[in-house]
């Protein structure tokens, strides 16, 4: 990652922010470090095609409903 830092502002769910603060305190780290790590992990997952959880839920729901049809179509 780049060594230069840029300030930015955003908004976040207050409960999520509370959890991040607790995690940072437990790990003895700054919120900045936790946030940067989370963003790096998100980008890495997306670059490598990791399936998003909502997409997998939709797939599983579809497969549960139409699995036998999918098997027939595949034969």
Protein backbone atom coordinates (compact mmCIF):
# COMPACT_ATOMS: atom_id res chain seq x y z
CA UNK A 1 0.00 0.00 0.00
CA UNK A 2 1.01 3.58 -0.50
CA UNK A 3 2.83 5.30 2.34
CA UNK A 4 0.99 8.61 1.91
CA UNK A 5 -2.20 9.18 3.86
CA UNK A 6 -5.30 11.10 2.75
CA UNK A 7 -8.12 12.17 5.05
CA UNK A 8 -11.66 11.37 4.00
CA UNK A 9 -15.05 11.56 5.66
CA UNK A 10 -17.95 9.15 5.46
CA UNK A 11 -20.88 7.94 7.52
CA UNK A 12 -21.32 4.56 9.17
CA UNK A 13 -23.98 2.77 11.19
CA UNK A 14 -23.51 3.73 14.84
CA UNK A 15 -23.66 0.11 16.06
CA UNK A 16 -21.02 -0.94 13.56
CA UNK A 17 -18.79 1.95 14.61
CA UNK A 18 -19.19 0.96 18.27
CA UNK A 19 -18.08 -2.57 17.39
CA UNK A 20 -15.06 -1.24 15.48
CA UNK A 21 -14.11 0.93 18.47
CA UNK A 22 -14.33 -2.08 20.79
CA UNK A 23 -12.23 -4.19 18.43
CA UNK A 24 -9.62 -1.46 18.11
CA UNK A 25 -9.42 -1.11 21.88
CA UNK A 26 -9.19 -4.89 22.42
CA UNK A 27 -6.38 -5.15 19.87
CA UNK A 28 -4.61 -1.99 21.00
CA UNK A 29 -4.93 -0.49 17.53
CA UNK A 30 -6.32 2.71 16.08
CA UNK A 31 -9.66 2.77 14.26
CA UNK A 32 -7.71 3.98 11.23
CA UNK A 33 -5.74 0.72 11.15
CA UNK A 34 -8.87 -1.42 11.52
CA UNK A 35 -10.63 0.52 8.75
CA UNK A 36 -7.66 0.29 6.42
CA UNK A 37 -7.36 -3.46 7.01
CA UNK A 38 -11.07 -3.95 6.34
CA UNK A 39 -10.91 -1.99 3.08
CA UNK A 40 -7.81 -3.88 1.94
CA UNK A 41 -9.54 -7.21 2.67
CA UNK A 42 -12.67 -6.13 0.81
CA UNK A 43 -10.70 -5.12 -2.26
CA UNK A 44 -8.63 -8.31 -2.17
CA UNK A 45 -11.76 -10.46 -1.93
CA UNK A 46 -13.38 -8.66 -4.84
CA UNK A 47 -10.25 -8.88 -6.99
CA UNK A 48 -10.15 -12.63 -6.55
CA UNK A 49 -13.80 -13.16 -7.32
CA UNK A 50 -14.98 -14.09 -3.85
CA UNK A 51 -18.73 -14.49 -4.02
CA UNK A 52 -20.71 -12.00 -2.00
CA UNK A 53 -22.84 -13.50 0.75
CA UNK A 54 -26.11 -12.13 -0.65
CA UNK A 55 -25.34 -13.71 -4.02
CA UNK A 56 -24.67 -17.08 -2.37
CA UNK A 57 -27.93 -16.81 -0.40
CA UNK A 58 -29.85 -16.20 -3.64
CA UNK A 59 -28.09 -19.15 -5.29
CA UNK A 60 -28.84 -21.48 -2.37
CA UNK A 61 -32.50 -20.42 -2.32
CA UNK A 62 -32.75 -21.00 -6.04
CA UNK A 63 -31.00 -24.37 -5.82
CA UNK A 64 -33.24 -25.51 -2.97
CA UNK A 65 -36.28 -24.66 -5.06
CA UNK A 66 -35.13 -25.72 -8.52
CA UNK A 67 -32.28 -28.18 -7.86
CA UNK A 68 -34.02 -31.14 -9.48
CA UNK A 69 -34.76 -29.06 -12.56
CA UNK A 70 -31.11 -27.99 -12.77
CA UNK A 71 -30.04 -31.65 -12.64
CA UNK A 72 -32.45 -32.56 -15.46
CA UNK A 73 -31.22 -29.66 -17.58
CA UNK A 74 -27.60 -30.71 -17.00
CA UNK A 75 -28.23 -34.28 -18.23
